[in-house]
Amino acid sequence: MFIGSLVASRFLSLVAHFVVTVVIFLSKDVNVKACLPLQYTDSEFSSKDTELIVGLSLTLVFPGIGVWRIHWSAAISLSMFVLEGWDCDKFWYVFGFCSAFPAVMEACVLIGVLVFRADR
């Protein structure tokens, strides 16, 4: 019974992380404008827009892996990113701690399991 609830919890956290990332991607222009000062040039807008597109694309690649508690924290942090209009630079902290770090750790574990198998 406990295993089933853990799987459901992990699935819900993955879905929440994915949905919030897609919402940010769909409202990208509003978030980019929130990251810029009141007077900005087209090149500044283009630069921040490209930065956010790259970050969101990487976030869509990495949510499939990671610990479910981290996905919950990512979903909550990204929701606050949208609702409070955080600066785009803070997005990279959320990405680093909630997507990239768990992906690197799971890759290291996977490599360790494949390289140091006991059945050799």
PDB file of N, CA and C in Angstrom:
ATOM      1  N   MET A   1       0.817  -1.193   0.000  1.00  0.00           N
ATOM      2  CA  MET A   1       0.000   0.000   0.000  1.00  0.00           C
ATOM      3  C   MET A   1       0.865   1.263   0.000  1.00  0.00           C
ATOM      4  N   PHE A   2       1.933   1.270   0.782  1.00  0.00           N
ATOM      5  CA  PHE A   2       2.800   2.438   0.875  1.00  0.00           C
ATOM      6  C   PHE A   2       3.518   2.698  -0.453  1.00  0.00           C
ATOM      7  N   ILE A   3       3.930   1.647  -1.148  1.00  0.00           N
ATOM      8  CA  ILE A   3       4.636   1.807  -2.414  1.00  0.00           C
ATOM      9  C   ILE A   3       3.738   2.477  -3.444  1.00  0.00           C
ATOM     10  N   GLY A   4       2.473   2.095  -3.488  1.00  0.00           N
ATOM     11  CA  GLY A   4       1.541   2.702  -4.430  1.00  0.00           C
ATOM     12  C   GLY A   4       1.359   4.189  -4.192  1.00  0.00           C
ATOM     13  N   SER A   5       1.297   4.585  -2.929  1.00  0.00           N
ATOM     14  CA  SER A   5       1.139   6.012  -2.638  1.00  0.00           C
ATOM     15  C   SER A   5       2.407   6.781  -2.959  1.00  0.00           C
ATOM     16  N   LEU A   6       3.565   6.130  -2.796  1.00  0.00           N
ATOM     17  CA  LEU A   6       4.831   6.782  -3.135  1.00  0.00           C
ATOM     18  C   LEU A   6       4.935   7.002  -4.637  1.00  0.00           C
ATOM     19  N   VAL A   7       4.510   6.017  -5.420  1.00  0.00           N
ATOM     20  CA  VAL A   7       4.522   6.164  -6.876  1.00  0.00           C
ATOM     21  C   VAL A   7       3.561   7.261  -7.301  1.00  0.00           C
ATOM     22  N   ALA A   8       2.379   7.295  -6.708  1.00  0.00           N
ATOM     23  CA  ALA A   8       1.418   8.342  -7.036  1.00  0.00           C
ATOM     24  C   ALA A   8       1.946   9.718  -6.647  1.00  0.00           C
ATOM     25  N   SER A   9       2.605   9.809  -5.523  1.00  0.00           N
ATOM     26  CA  SER A   9       3.178  11.072  -5.083  1.00  0.00           C
ATOM     27  C   SER A   9       4.282  11.535  -6.026  1.00  0.00           C
ATOM     28  N   ARG A  10       5.120  10.617  -6.448  1.00  0.00           N
ATOM     29  CA  ARG A  10       6.200  10.976  -7.383  1.00  0.00           C
ATOM     30  C   ARG A  10       5.605  11.426  -8.711  1.00  0.00           C
ATOM     31  N   PHE A  11       4.596  10.730  -9.186  1.00  0.00           N
ATOM     32  CA  PHE A  11       3.942  11.116 -10.438  1.00  0.00           C
ATOM     33  C   PHE A  11       3.322  12.501 -10.333  1.00  0.00           C
ATOM     34  N   LEU A  12       2.623  12.778  -9.241  1.00  0.00           N
ATOM     35  CA  LEU A  12       2.010  14.099  -9.064  1.00  0.00           C
ATOM     36  C   LEU A  12       3.047  15.203  -9.001  1.00  0.00           C
ATOM     37  N   SER A  13       4.182  14.931  -8.342  1.00  0.00           N
ATOM     38  CA  SER A  13       5.227  15.955  -8.274  1.00  0.00           C
ATOM     39  C   SER A  13       5.844  16.205  -9.646  1.00  0.00           C
ATOM     40  N   LEU A  14       6.036  15.147 -10.440  1.00  0.00           N
ATOM     41  CA  LEU A  14       6.548  15.314 -11.805  1.00  0.00           C
ATOM     42  C   LEU A  14       5.569  16.106 -12.663  1.00  0.00           C
ATOM     43  N   VAL A  15       4.290  15.789 -12.536  1.00  0.00           N
ATOM     44  CA  VAL A  15       3.270  16.498 -13.311  1.00  0.00           C
ATOM     45  C   VAL A  15       3.211  17.967 -12.896  1.00  0.00           C
ATOM     46  N   ALA A  16       3.272  18.226 -11.591  1.00  0.00           N
ATOM     47  CA  ALA A  16       3.242  19.622 -11.118  1.00  0.00           C
ATOM     48  C   ALA A  16       4.440  20.399 -11.649  1.00  0.00           C
ATOM     49  N   HIS A  17       5.618  19.807 -11.587  1.00  0.00           N
ATOM     50  CA  HIS A  17       6.826  20.462 -12.098  1.00  0.00           C
ATOM     51  C   HIS A  17       6.683  20.727 -13.601  1.00  0.00           C
ATOM     52  N   PHE A  18       6.192  19.749 -14.343  1.00  0.00           N
ATOM     53  CA  PHE A  18       6.017  19.895 -15.782  1.00  0.00           C
ATOM     54  C   PHE A  18       4.982  20.972 -16.113  1.00  0.00           C
ATOM     55  N   VAL A  19       3.848  20.960 -15.422  1.00  0.00           N
ATOM     56  CA  VAL A  19       2.784  21.935 -15.708  1.00  0.00           C
ATOM     57  C   VAL A  19       3.243  23.361 -15.429  1.00  0.00           C
ATOM     58  N   VAL A  20       3.917  23.564 -14.307  1.00  0.00           N
ATOM     59  CA  VAL A  20       4.384  24.915 -13.984  1.00  0.00           C
ATOM     60  C   VAL A  20       5.427  25.379 -15.004  1.00  0.00           C
ATOM     61  N   THR A  21       6.282  24.480 -15.452  1.00  0.00           N
ATOM     62  CA  THR A  21       7.271  24.837 -16.467  1.00  0.00           C
ATOM     63  C   THR A  21       6.594  25.206 -17.779  1.00  0.00           C
ATOM     64  N   VAL A  22       5.575  24.469 -18.169  1.00  0.00           N
ATOM     65  CA  VAL A  22       4.846  24.788 -19.404  1.00  0.00           C
ATOM     66  C   VAL A  22       4.109  26.118 -19.267  1.00  0.00           C
ATOM     67  N   VAL A  23       3.549  26.392 -18.106  1.00  0.00           N
ATOM     68  CA  VAL A  23       2.866  27.670 -17.888  1.00  0.00           C
ATOM     69  C   VAL A  23       3.851  28.825 -18.021  1.00  0.00           C
ATOM     70  N   ILE A  24       5.035  28.668 -17.452  1.00  0.00           N
ATOM     71  CA  ILE A  24       6.052  29.718 -17.587  1.00  0.00           C
ATOM     72  C   ILE A  24       6.443  29.872 -19.050  1.00  0.00           C
ATOM     73  N   PHE A  25       6.565  28.744 -19.749  1.00  0.00           N
ATOM     74  CA  PHE A  25       6.934  28.801 -21.166  1.00  0.00           C
ATOM     75  C   PHE A  25       5.866  29.521 -21.989  1.00  0.00           C
ATOM     76  N   LEU A  26       4.591  29.289 -21.677  1.00  0.00           N
ATOM     77  CA  LEU A  26       3.508  29.926 -22.428  1.00  0.00           C
ATOM     78  C   LEU A  26       3.360  31.411 -22.094  1.00  0.00           C
ATOM     79  N   SER A  27       3.726  31.801 -20.878  1.00  0.00           N
ATOM     80  CA  SER A  27       3.645  33.212 -20.497  1.00  0.00           C
ATOM     81  C   SER A  27       5.035  33.843 -20.458  1.00  0.00           C
ATOM     82  N   LYS A  28       5.875  33.387 -21.352  1.00  0.00           N
ATOM     83  CA  LYS A  28       7.283  33.787 -21.361  1.00  0.00           C
ATOM     84  C   LYS A  28       7.468  35.300 -21.526  1.00  0.00           C
ATOM     85  N   ASP A  29       6.717  35.932 -22.412  1.00  0.00           N
ATOM     86  CA  ASP A  29       6.890  37.363 -22.654  1.00  0.00           C
ATOM     87  C   ASP A  29       6.632  38.191 -21.399  1.00  0.00           C
ATOM     88  N   VAL A  30       5.608  37.823 -20.651  1.00  0.00           N
ATOM     89  CA  VAL A  30       5.295  38.535 -19.408  1.00  0.00           C
ATOM     90  C   VAL A  30       6.431  38.355 -18.400  1.00  0.00           C
ATOM     91  N   ASN A  31       6.963  37.142 -18.314  1.00  0.00           N
ATOM     92  CA  ASN A  31       8.058  36.888 -17.370  1.00  0.00           C
ATOM     93  C   ASN A  31       9.338  37.596 -17.789  1.00  0.00           C
ATOM     94  N   VAL A  32       9.600  37.666 -19.082  1.00  0.00           N
ATOM     95  CA  VAL A  32      10.791  38.383 -19.559  1.00  0.00           C
ATOM     96  C   VAL A  32      10.666  39.865 -19.244  1.00  0.00           C
ATOM     97  N   LYS A  33       9.497  40.437 -19.460  1.00  0.00           N
ATOM     98  CA  LYS A  33       9.295  41.859 -19.156  1.00  0.00           C
ATOM     99  C   LYS A  33       9.419  42.129 -17.660  1.00  0.00           C
ATOM    100  N   ALA A  34       9.034  41.165 -16.832  1.00  0.00           N
ATOM    101  CA  ALA A  34       9.183  41.334 -15.382  1.00  0.00           C
ATOM    102  C   ALA A  34      10.646  41.308 -14.968  1.00  0.00           C
ATOM    103  N   CYS A  35      11.489  40.693 -15.777  1.00  0.00           N
ATOM    104  CA  CYS A  35      12.918  40.604 -15.464  1.00  0.00           C
ATOM    105  C   CYS A  35      13.693  41.842 -15.900  1.00  0.00           C
ATOM    106  N   LEU A  36      13.083  42.666 -16.707  1.00  0.00           N
ATOM    107  CA  LEU A  36      13.784  43.825 -17.267  1.00  0.00           C
ATOM    108  C   LEU A  36      13.392  45.106 -16.542  1.00  0.00           C
ATOM    109  N   PRO A  37      14.251  46.128 -16.612  1.00  0.00           N
ATOM    110  CA  PRO A  37      13.861  47.426 -16.041  1.00  0.00           C
ATOM    111  C   PRO A  37      12.745  48.054 -16.883  1.00  0.00           C
ATOM    112  N   LEU A  38      12.181  49.143 -16.386  1.00  0.00           N
ATOM    113  CA  LEU A  38      11.073  49.783 -17.100  1.00  0.00           C
ATOM    114  C   LEU A  38      11.483  50.261 -18.484  1.00  0.00           C
ATOM    115  N   GLN A  39      12.678  50.795 -18.605  1.00  0.00           N
ATOM    116  CA  GLN A  39      13.208  51.226 -19.896  1.00  0.00           C
ATOM    117  C   GLN A  39      14.224  50.191 -20.368  1.00  0.00           C
ATOM    118  N   TYR A  40      13.892  49.453 -21.398  1.00  0.00           N
ATOM    119  CA  TYR A  40      14.793  48.422 -21.908  1.00  0.00           C
ATOM    120  C   TYR A  40      14.849  48.495 -23.430  1.00  0.00           C
ATOM    121  N   THR A  41      15.923  47.968 -23.971  1.00  0.00           N
ATOM    122  CA  THR A  41      16.099  47.950 -25.421  1.00  0.00           C
ATOM    123  C   THR A  41      15.658  46.584 -25.956  1.00  0.00           C
ATOM    124  N   ASP A  42      15.522  46.525 -27.268  1.00  0.00           N
ATOM    125  CA  ASP A  42      15.137  45.264 -27.899  1.00  0.00           C
ATOM    126  C   ASP A  42      16.215  44.199 -27.724  1.00  0.00           C
ATOM    127  N   SER A  43      17.464  44.610 -27.695  1.00  0.00           N
ATOM    128  CA  SER A  43      18.538  43.628 -27.516  1.00  0.00           C
ATOM    129  C   SER A  43      18.521  43.043 -26.101  1.00  0.00           C
ATOM    130  N   GLU A  44      18.185  43.865 -25.094  1.00  0.00           N
ATOM    131  CA  GLU A  44      18.062  43.348 -23.730  1.00  0.00           C
ATOM    132  C   GLU A  44      16.900  42.346 -23.640  1.00  0.00           C
ATOM    133  N   PHE A  45      15.779  42.694 -24.282  1.00  0.00           N
ATOM    134  CA  PHE A  45      14.628  41.797 -24.283  1.00  0.00           C
ATOM    135  C   PHE A  45      14.976  40.484 -24.973  1.00  0.00           C
ATOM    136  N   SER A  46      15.643  40.574 -26.116  1.00  0.00           N
ATOM    137  CA  SER A  46      16.020  39.382 -26.866  1.00  0.00           C
ATOM    138  C   SER A  46      16.982  38.500 -26.071  1.00  0.00           C
ATOM    139  N   SER A  47      17.913  39.134 -25.376  1.00  0.00           N
ATOM    140  CA  SER A  47      18.882  38.385 -24.577  1.00  0.00           C
ATOM    141  C   SER A  47      18.200  37.628 -23.436  1.00  0.00           C
ATOM    142  N   LYS A  48      17.336  38.319 -22.687  1.00  0.00           N
ATOM    143  CA  LYS A  48      16.612  37.667 -21.588  1.00  0.00           C
ATOM    144  C   LYS A  48      15.633  36.612 -22.111  1.00  0.00           C
ATOM    145  N   ASP A  49      15.025  36.875 -23.268  1.00  0.00           N
ATOM    146  CA  ASP A  49      14.103  35.918 -23.866  1.00  0.00           C
ATOM    147  C   ASP A  49      14.836  34.630 -24.236  1.00  0.00           C
ATOM    148  N   THR A  50      15.995  34.766 -24.858  1.00  0.00           N
ATOM    149  CA  THR A  50      16.797  33.593 -25.214  1.00  0.00           C
ATOM    150  C   THR A  50      17.252  32.845 -23.972  1.00  0.00           C
ATOM    151  N   GLU A  51      17.658  33.584 -22.946  1.00  0.00           N
ATOM    152  CA  GLU A  51      18.099  32.965 -21.694  1.00  0.00           C
ATOM    153  C   GLU A  51      16.974  32.143 -21.060  1.00  0.00           C
ATOM    154  N   LEU A  52      15.775  32.693 -21.055  1.00  0.00           N
ATOM    155  CA  LEU A  52      14.640  31.985 -20.457  1.00  0.00           C
ATOM    156  C   LEU A  52      14.218  30.787 -21.307  1.00  0.00           C
ATOM    157  N   ILE A  53      14.287  30.908 -22.626  1.00  0.00           N
ATOM    158  CA  ILE A  53      13.953  29.782 -23.500  1.00  0.00           C
ATOM    159  C   ILE A  53      14.918  28.621 -23.273  1.00  0.00           C
ATOM    160  N   VAL A  54      16.205  28.920 -23.170  1.00  0.00           N
ATOM    161  CA  VAL A  54      17.198  27.871 -22.937  1.00  0.00           C
ATOM    162  C   VAL A  54      16.967  27.208 -21.582  1.00  0.00           C
ATOM    163  N   GLY A  55      16.735  28.005 -20.554  1.00  0.00           N
ATOM    164  CA  GLY A  55      16.497  27.456 -19.222  1.00  0.00           C
ATOM    165  C   GLY A  55      15.248  26.600 -19.152  1.00  0.00           C
ATOM    166  N   LEU A  56      14.172  27.064 -19.760  1.00  0.00           N
ATOM    167  CA  LEU A  56      12.931  26.289 -19.747  1.00  0.00           C
ATOM    168  C   LEU A  56      13.053  25.018 -20.571  1.00  0.00           C
ATOM    169  N   SER A  57      13.770  25.088 -21.681  1.00  0.00           N
ATOM    170  CA  SER A  57      13.984  23.892 -22.495  1.00  0.00           C
ATOM    171  C   SER A  57      14.781  22.851 -21.722  1.00  0.00           C
ATOM    172  N   LEU A  58      15.814  23.282 -21.030  1.00  0.00           N
ATOM    173  CA  LEU A  58      16.590  22.350 -20.209  1.00  0.00           C
ATOM    174  C   LEU A  58      15.754  21.792 -19.068  1.00  0.00           C
ATOM    175  N   THR A  59      14.890  22.610 -18.504  1.00  0.00           N
ATOM    176  CA  THR A  59      14.026  22.144 -17.423  1.00  0.00           C
ATOM    177  C   THR A  59      13.033  21.106 -17.932  1.00  0.00           C
ATOM    178  N   LEU A  60      12.564  21.246 -19.170  1.00  0.00           N
ATOM    179  CA  LEU A  60      11.660  20.252 -19.732  1.00  0.00           C
ATOM    180  C   LEU A  60      12.378  18.943 -20.024  1.00  0.00           C
ATOM    181  N   VAL A  61      13.696  18.987 -20.230  1.00  0.00           N
ATOM    182  CA  VAL A  61      14.463  17.769 -20.478  1.00  0.00           C
ATOM    183  C   VAL A  61      14.721  17.020 -19.172  1.00  0.00           C
ATOM    184  N   PHE A  62      15.037  17.734 -18.088  1.00  0.00           N
ATOM    185  CA  PHE A  62      15.456  17.102 -16.841  1.00  0.00           C
ATOM    186  C   PHE A  62      14.348  16.664 -15.889  1.00  0.00           C
ATOM    187  N   PRO A  63      13.073  17.070 -16.019  1.00  0.00           N
ATOM    188  CA  PRO A  63      12.117  16.663 -14.991  1.00  0.00           C
ATOM    189  C   PRO A  63      11.861  15.171 -14.906  1.00  0.00           C
ATOM    190  N   GLY A  64      12.186  14.411 -15.919  1.00  0.00           N
ATOM    191  CA  GLY A  64      11.927  12.985 -15.874  1.00  0.00           C
ATOM    192  C   GLY A  64      12.775  12.244 -14.865  1.00  0.00           C
ATOM    193  N   ILE A  65      13.796  12.889 -14.367  1.00  0.00           N
ATOM    194  CA  ILE A  65      14.684  12.249 -13.406  1.00  0.00           C
ATOM    195  C   ILE A  65      14.772  13.110 -12.161  1.00  0.00           C
ATOM    196  N   GLY A  66      15.068  12.501 -11.072  1.00  0.00           N
ATOM    197  CA  GLY A  66      15.219  13.259  -9.837  1.00  0.00           C
ATOM    198  C   GLY A  66      14.338  12.733  -8.720  1.00  0.00           C
ATOM    199  N   VAL A  67      14.565  13.230  -7.565  1.00  0.00           N
ATOM    200  CA  VAL A  67      13.842  12.813  -6.377  1.00  0.00           C
ATOM    201  C   VAL A  67      12.532  13.585  -6.309  1.00  0.00           C
ATOM    202  N   TRP A  68      11.466  12.909  -5.863  1.00  0.00           N
ATOM    203  CA  TRP A  68      10.143  13.558  -5.913  1.00  0.00           C
ATOM    204  C   TRP A  68      10.046  14.762  -5.009  1.00  0.00           C
ATOM    205  N   ARG A  69      10.757  14.789  -3.885  1.00  0.00           N
ATOM    206  CA  ARG A  69      10.704  15.976  -3.004  1.00  0.00           C
ATOM    207  C   ARG A  69      11.297  17.194  -3.700  1.00  0.00           C
ATOM    208  N   ILE A  70      12.291  16.959  -4.526  1.00  0.00           N
ATOM    209  CA  ILE A  70      12.912  18.065  -5.251  1.00  0.00           C
ATOM    210  C   ILE A  70      11.952  18.594  -6.307  1.00  0.00           C
ATOM    211  N   HIS A  71      11.167  17.712  -6.918  1.00  0.00           N
ATOM    212  CA  HIS A  71      10.195  18.179  -7.903  1.00  0.00           C
ATOM    213  C   HIS A  71       9.103  19.022  -7.241  1.00  0.00           C
ATOM    214  N   TRP A  72       8.710  18.661  -6.018  1.00  0.00           N
ATOM    215  CA  TRP A  72       7.739  19.492  -5.312  1.00  0.00           C
ATOM    216  C   TRP A  72       8.323  20.872  -5.031  1.00  0.00           C
ATOM    217  N   SER A  73       9.565  20.903  -4.577  1.00  0.00           N
ATOM    218  CA  SER A  73      10.178  22.208  -4.301  1.00  0.00           C
ATOM    219  C   SER A  73      10.360  23.005  -5.584  1.00  0.00           C
ATOM    220  N   ALA A  74      10.641  22.318  -6.694  1.00  0.00           N
ATOM    221  CA  ALA A  74      10.752  23.023  -7.970  1.00  0.00           C
ATOM    222  C   ALA A  74       9.406  23.585  -8.394  1.00  0.00           C
ATOM    223  N   ALA A  75       8.355  22.798  -8.240  1.00  0.00           N
ATOM    224  CA  ALA A  75       7.021  23.274  -8.624  1.00  0.00           C
ATOM    225  C   ALA A  75       6.612  24.485  -7.786  1.00  0.00           C
ATOM    226  N   ILE A  76       6.880  24.431  -6.496  1.00  0.00           N
ATOM    227  CA  ILE A  76       6.538  25.560  -5.622  1.00  0.00           C
ATOM    228  C   ILE A  76       7.387  26.778  -5.953  1.00  0.00           C
ATOM    229  N   SER A  77       8.687  26.578  -6.150  1.00  0.00           N
ATOM    230  CA  SER A  77       9.581  27.702  -6.463  1.00  0.00           C
ATOM    231  C   SER A  77       9.231  28.332  -7.801  1.00  0.00           C
ATOM    232  N   LEU A  78       8.944  27.517  -8.803  1.00  0.00           N
ATOM    233  CA  LEU A  78       8.585  28.071 -10.111  1.00  0.00           C
ATOM    234  C   LEU A  78       7.223  28.763 -10.068  1.00  0.00           C
ATOM    235  N   SER A  79       6.315  28.269  -9.230  1.00  0.00           N
ATOM    236  CA  SER A  79       5.030  28.964  -9.062  1.00  0.00           C
ATOM    237  C   SER A  79       5.245  30.344  -8.452  1.00  0.00           C
ATOM    238  N   MET A  80       6.133  30.416  -7.471  1.00  0.00           N
ATOM    239  CA  MET A  80       6.443  31.718  -6.880  1.00  0.00           C
ATOM    240  C   MET A  80       7.161  32.610  -7.890  1.00  0.00           C
ATOM    241  N   PHE A  81       7.967  32.017  -8.768  1.00  0.00           N
ATOM    242  CA  PHE A  81       8.635  32.766  -9.834  1.00  0.00           C
ATOM    243  C   PHE A  81       7.610  33.474 -10.705  1.00  0.00           C
ATOM    244  N   VAL A  82       6.528  32.777 -11.030  1.00  0.00           N
ATOM    245  CA  VAL A  82       5.478  33.364 -11.867  1.00  0.00           C
ATOM    246  C   VAL A  82       4.652  34.372 -11.083  1.00  0.00           C
ATOM    247  N   LEU A  83       4.202  33.980  -9.901  1.00  0.00           N
ATOM    248  CA  LEU A  83       3.263  34.824  -9.154  1.00  0.00           C
ATOM    249  C   LEU A  83       3.893  36.092  -8.611  1.00  0.00           C
ATOM    250  N   GLU A  84       5.147  36.022  -8.198  1.00  0.00           N
ATOM    251  CA  GLU A  84       5.795  37.184  -7.609  1.00  0.00           C
ATOM    252  C   GLU A  84       6.670  37.951  -8.593  1.00  0.00           C
ATOM    253  N   GLY A  85       6.802  37.459  -9.829  1.00  0.00           N
ATOM    254  CA  GLY A  85       7.577  38.157 -10.842  1.00  0.00           C
ATOM    255  C   GLY A  85       9.056  38.249 -10.500  1.00  0.00           C
ATOM    256  N   TRP A  86       9.638  37.132 -10.104  1.00  0.00           N
ATOM    257  CA  TRP A  86      11.061  37.109  -9.753  1.00  0.00           C
ATOM    258  C   TRP A  86      11.918  37.467 -10.953  1.00  0.00           C
ATOM    259  N   ASP A  87      13.129  37.909 -10.670  1.00  0.00           N
ATOM    260  CA  ASP A  87      14.103  38.193 -11.717  1.00  0.00           C
ATOM    261  C   ASP A  87      14.495  36.886 -12.398  1.00  0.00           C
ATOM    262  N   CYS A  88      14.805  36.958 -13.679  1.00  0.00           N
ATOM    263  CA  CYS A  88      15.145  35.747 -14.446  1.00  0.00           C
ATOM    264  C   CYS A  88      16.404  35.059 -13.932  1.00  0.00           C
ATOM    265  N   ASP A  89      17.279  35.801 -13.291  1.00  0.00           N
ATOM    266  CA  ASP A  89      18.493  35.186 -12.763  1.00  0.00           C
ATOM    267  C   ASP A  89      18.179  34.181 -11.655  1.00  0.00           C
ATOM    268  N   LYS A  90      17.096  34.397 -10.927  1.00  0.00           N
ATOM    269  CA  LYS A  90      16.716  33.453  -9.871  1.00  0.00           C
ATOM    270  C   LYS A  90      16.209  32.141 -10.443  1.00  0.00           C
ATOM    271  N   PHE A  91      15.746  32.155 -11.687  1.00  0.00           N
ATOM    272  CA  PHE A  91      15.318  30.922 -12.333  1.00  0.00           C
ATOM    273  C   PHE A  91      16.474  29.922 -12.407  1.00  0.00           C
ATOM    274  N   TRP A  92      17.690  30.417 -12.648  1.00  0.00           N
ATOM    275  CA  TRP A  92      18.840  29.528 -12.791  1.00  0.00           C
ATOM    276  C   TRP A  92      19.189  28.854 -11.470  1.00  0.00           C
ATOM    277  N   TYR A  93      18.923  29.521 -10.350  1.00  0.00           N
ATOM    278  CA  TYR A  93      19.132  28.866  -9.051  1.00  0.00           C
ATOM    279  C   TYR A  93      18.148  27.710  -8.867  1.00  0.00           C
ATOM    280  N   VAL A  94      16.898  27.953  -9.215  1.00  0.00           N
ATOM    281  CA  VAL A  94      15.880  26.899  -9.113  1.00  0.00           C
ATOM    282  C   VAL A  94      16.245  25.746 -10.055  1.00  0.00           C
ATOM    283  N   PHE A  95      16.660  26.068 -11.259  1.00  0.00           N
ATOM    284  CA  PHE A  95      17.054  25.036 -12.217  1.00  0.00           C
ATOM    285  C   PHE A  95      18.258  24.244 -11.701  1.00  0.00           C
ATOM    286  N   GLY A  96      19.244  24.934 -11.181  1.00  0.00           N
ATOM    287  CA  GLY A  96      20.445  24.255 -10.704  1.00  0.00           C
ATOM    288  C   GLY A  96      20.180  23.329  -9.538  1.00  0.00           C
ATOM    289  N   PHE A  97      19.425  23.789  -8.553  1.00  0.00           N
ATOM    290  CA  PHE A  97      19.172  22.981  -7.360  1.00  0.00           C
ATOM    291  C   PHE A  97      18.093  21.923  -7.560  1.00  0.00           C
ATOM    292  N   CYS A  98      17.113  22.203  -8.409  1.00  0.00           N
ATOM    293  CA  CYS A  98      15.964  21.301  -8.518  1.00  0.00           C
ATOM    294  C   CYS A  98      15.944  20.450  -9.780  1.00  0.00           C
ATOM    295  N   SER A  99      16.789  20.728 -10.765  1.00  0.00           N
ATOM    296  CA  SER A  99      16.793  19.924 -11.987  1.00  0.00           C
ATOM    297  C   SER A  99      18.187  19.407 -12.325  1.00  0.00           C
ATOM    298  N   ALA A 100      19.158  20.298 -12.422  1.00  0.00           N
ATOM    299  CA  ALA A 100      20.487  19.892 -12.869  1.00  0.00           C
ATOM    300  C   ALA A 100      21.220  19.058 -11.819  1.00  0.00           C
ATOM    301  N   PHE A 101      21.217  19.478 -10.573  1.00  0.00           N
ATOM    302  CA  PHE A 101      21.919  18.737  -9.519  1.00  0.00           C
ATOM    303  C   PHE A 101      21.379  17.320  -9.349  1.00  0.00           C
ATOM    304  N   PRO A 102      20.049  17.120  -9.259  1.00  0.00           N
ATOM    305  CA  PRO A 102      19.547  15.747  -9.167  1.00  0.00           C
ATOM    306  C   PRO A 102      19.865  14.919 -10.410  1.00  0.00           C
ATOM    307  N   ALA A 103      19.859  15.539 -11.579  1.00  0.00           N
ATOM    308  CA  ALA A 103      20.180  14.796 -12.803  1.00  0.00           C
ATOM    309  C   ALA A 103      21.624  14.323 -12.794  1.00  0.00           C
ATOM    310  N   VAL A 104      22.531  15.173 -12.348  1.00  0.00           N
ATOM    311  CA  VAL A 104      23.942  14.785 -12.267  1.00  0.00           C
ATOM    312  C   VAL A 104      24.133  13.681 -11.231  1.00  0.00           C
ATOM    313  N   MET A 105      23.466  13.797 -10.095  1.00  0.00           N
ATOM    314  CA  MET A 105      23.586  12.764  -9.061  1.00  0.00           C
ATOM    315  C   MET A 105      23.039  11.422  -9.544  1.00  0.00           C
ATOM    316  N   GLU A 106      21.896  11.429 -10.218  1.00  0.00           N
ATOM    317  CA  GLU A 106      21.353  10.172 -10.714  1.00  0.00           C
ATOM    318  C   GLU A 106      22.212   9.595 -11.828  1.00  0.00           C
ATOM    319  N   ALA A 107      22.827  10.450 -12.647  1.00  0.00           N
ATOM    320  CA  ALA A 107      23.746   9.949 -13.674  1.00  0.00           C
ATOM    321  C   ALA A 107      24.963   9.293 -13.023  1.00  0.00           C
ATOM    322  N   CYS A 108      25.487   9.888 -11.953  1.00  0.00           N
ATOM    323  CA  CYS A 108      26.617   9.290 -11.235  1.00  0.00           C
ATOM    324  C   CYS A 108      26.236   7.948 -10.621  1.00  0.00           C
ATOM    325  N   VAL A 109      25.052   7.863 -10.056  1.00  0.00           N
ATOM    326  CA  VAL A 109      24.588   6.592  -9.479  1.00  0.00           C
ATOM    327  C   VAL A 109      24.431   5.548 -10.579  1.00  0.00           C
ATOM    328  N   LEU A 110      23.844   5.934 -11.702  1.00  0.00           N
ATOM    329  CA  LEU A 110      23.660   5.007 -12.807  1.00  0.00           C
ATOM    330  C   LEU A 110      24.999   4.510 -13.341  1.00  0.00           C
ATOM    331  N   ILE A 111      25.953   5.404 -13.509  1.00  0.00           N
ATOM    332  CA  ILE A 111      27.291   5.013 -13.960  1.00  0.00           C
ATOM    333  C   ILE A 111      27.948   4.109 -12.941  1.00  0.00           C
ATOM    334  N   GLY A 112      27.804   4.446 -11.661  1.00  0.00           N
ATOM    335  CA  GLY A 112      28.363   3.606 -10.616  1.00  0.00           C
ATOM    336  C   GLY A 112      27.770   2.211 -10.602  1.00  0.00           C
ATOM    337  N   VAL A 113      26.480   2.108 -10.812  1.00  0.00           N
ATOM    338  CA  VAL A 113      25.831   0.794 -10.835  1.00  0.00           C
ATOM    339  C   VAL A 113      26.288  -0.001 -12.056  1.00  0.00           C
ATOM    340  N   LEU A 114      26.396   0.653 -13.200  1.00  0.00           N
ATOM    341  CA  LEU A 114      26.800  -0.053 -14.410  1.00  0.00           C
ATOM    342  C   LEU A 114      28.271  -0.457 -14.386  1.00  0.00           C
ATOM    343  N   VAL A 115      29.115   0.400 -13.838  1.00  0.00           N
ATOM    344  CA  VAL A 115      30.548   0.119 -13.815  1.00  0.00           C
ATOM    345  C   VAL A 115      30.915  -0.867 -12.717  1.00  0.00           C
ATOM    346  N   PHE A 116      30.341  -0.729 -11.550  1.00  0.00           N
ATOM    347  CA  PHE A 116      30.723  -1.548 -10.399  1.00  0.00           C
ATOM    348  C   PHE A 116      29.693  -2.638 -10.075  1.00  0.00           C
ATOM    349  N   ARG A 117      29.152  -3.252 -11.100  1.00  0.00           N
ATOM    350  CA  ARG A 117      28.172  -4.326 -10.878  1.00  0.00           C
ATOM    351  C   ARG A 117      28.836  -5.495 -10.150  1.00  0.00           C
ATOM    352  N   ALA A 118      28.074  -6.165  -9.313  1.00  0.00           N
ATOM    353  CA  ALA A 118      28.609  -7.285  -8.542  1.00  0.00           C
ATOM    354  C   ALA A 118      28.573  -8.592  -9.308  1.00  0.00           C
ATOM    355  N   ASP A 119      27.886  -8.659 -10.437  1.00  0.00           N
ATOM    356  CA  ASP A 119      27.745  -9.926 -11.146  1.00  0.00           C
ATOM    357  C   ASP A 119      28.910 -10.237 -12.089  1.00  0.00           C
ATOM    358  N   ARG A 120      29.939  -9.453 -12.083  1.00  0.00           N
ATOM    359  CA  ARG A 120      31.091  -9.713 -12.963  1.00  0.00           C
ATOM    360  C   ARG A 120      31.976 -10.761 -12.405  1.00  0.00           C
TER     361      ARG A 120
END
